[in-house]
Each structure stands twice: as C-alpha cells, then as structure tokens.
Protein backbone atom coordinates (compact mmCIF):
# COMPACT_ATOMS: atom_id res chain seq x y z
CA MET A 1 83.96 154.81 84.31
CA THR A 2 86.16 155.66 81.45
CA LYS A 3 88.70 153.27 80.27
CA ALA A 4 92.34 154.50 79.64
CA ILE A 5 94.82 152.17 78.00
CA PHE A 6 98.56 152.96 78.40
CA TYR A 7 100.47 151.32 75.39
CA HIS A 8 104.22 150.91 76.04
CA ALA A 9 107.29 148.79 75.00
CA GLY A 10 109.06 148.43 78.41
CA CYS A 11 111.96 150.87 77.59
CA PRO A 12 112.96 153.50 80.22
CA VAL A 13 111.13 156.25 78.51
CA CYS A 14 107.99 154.11 78.61
CA VAL A 15 108.31 153.05 82.08
CA ASP A 16 109.01 156.59 83.35
CA ALA A 17 105.85 157.77 81.34
CA GLU A 18 103.82 154.93 82.88
CA GLN A 19 104.80 155.90 86.49
CA HIS A 20 104.36 159.61 85.84
CA VAL A 21 101.33 159.86 83.52
CA ALA A 22 99.32 156.78 83.83
CA GLY A 23 100.01 156.78 87.54
CA ALA A 24 98.56 160.33 87.86
CA LEU A 25 95.19 159.43 86.57
CA ASP A 26 92.28 159.59 89.02
CA LEU A 27 91.34 155.90 89.45
CA SER A 28 87.86 156.89 90.62
CA ARG A 29 87.29 158.35 87.09
CA TYR A 30 89.45 155.99 85.01
CA GLU A 31 89.87 152.33 84.52
CA VAL A 32 93.56 152.22 83.71
CA GLU A 33 95.15 149.21 81.57
CA SER A 34 98.85 149.12 81.00
CA VAL A 35 99.74 147.00 77.93
CA HIS A 36 103.35 146.06 77.33
CA LEU A 37 103.34 145.55 73.47
CA GLY A 38 106.53 143.71 73.54
CA GLU A 39 104.93 141.07 75.86
CA ALA A 40 101.42 141.16 73.98
CA PRO A 41 102.55 141.60 70.42
CA ALA A 42 98.94 140.50 69.40
CA ARG A 43 97.59 143.79 70.68
CA VAL A 44 99.79 146.07 68.34
CA ALA A 45 97.10 145.97 65.79
CA GLU A 46 94.56 146.94 68.45
CA ALA A 47 97.03 150.06 69.48
CA LYS A 48 97.39 150.97 65.67
CA ALA A 49 93.61 151.04 65.31
CA ALA A 50 93.28 153.35 68.12
CA GLY A 51 95.60 155.92 66.37
CA VAL A 52 98.72 154.95 68.42
CA ARG A 53 101.87 155.76 66.14
CA SER A 54 104.68 155.52 68.75
CA VAL A 55 104.97 154.37 72.35
CA PRO A 56 104.45 155.52 75.10
CA ALA A 57 100.94 156.43 74.31
CA LEU A 58 97.71 156.78 76.14
CA VAL A 59 94.30 156.21 74.69
CA ILE A 60 91.31 157.68 76.36
CA ASP A 61 87.68 157.67 74.83
CA GLY A 62 89.15 156.83 71.38
CA ALA A 63 91.90 159.48 71.30
CA ALA A 64 95.47 158.58 71.39
CA TYR A 65 97.77 160.87 73.32
CA HIS A 66 101.43 160.40 72.42
CA ILE A 67 103.58 161.11 75.50
CA ASN A 68 107.10 160.97 74.31
CA HIS A 69 108.91 159.14 71.63
CA GLY A 70 110.25 156.02 72.81
CA ALA A 71 109.65 153.69 69.78
CA ASP A 72 107.61 153.78 66.73
CA LEU A 73 104.76 151.28 66.54
CA SER A 74 106.03 149.89 63.32
CA ALA A 75 109.21 148.61 65.12
CA LEU A 76 107.04 146.47 67.33
CA GLU A 77 104.83 144.97 64.59
CA SER A 78 107.82 143.03 63.16
CA ARG A 79 108.30 141.15 66.53
C-alpha cells in the first residue's frame, strides 16, 4: 500500500482541501495520514525535506503536490 501524507495548517483552505482531495483517495490503494503542522511543529522539517513549500500539500511516493496556497511552510517553521 502506498503512503500518502496530507500536510496542512488547519486553515479553511487546508480543511477544504483535506475533505476534497485527501478524502477522494482510494483507501484500498493509499494509506492516508493527515498532519496538522500547527499541532505537530516537529514535523515541519519532515514536510520541508519532502519538498513541501506551502500547505495544503499532499506527498505521495516522495513527490509533493501543492494543492492551493494556504500558508508558506516558512511561516510554520517559526512557531
């Protein structure tokens, strides 16, 4: 099963993307993890290493897909 990680900051743009994009993934093919970077700031470095520049973003097979521009990752690094 392929791991898909949805990184977000809990903003309205992120919540909408999580419901529509991450929620649309076929759970028989993808193990989906949702990471709220505001609540898990220790994982910001992980998201950055995966190529995430802004949230919401979905990482599948090592590729970061930026869905919309809710917040720059740099704004979450200082938290």
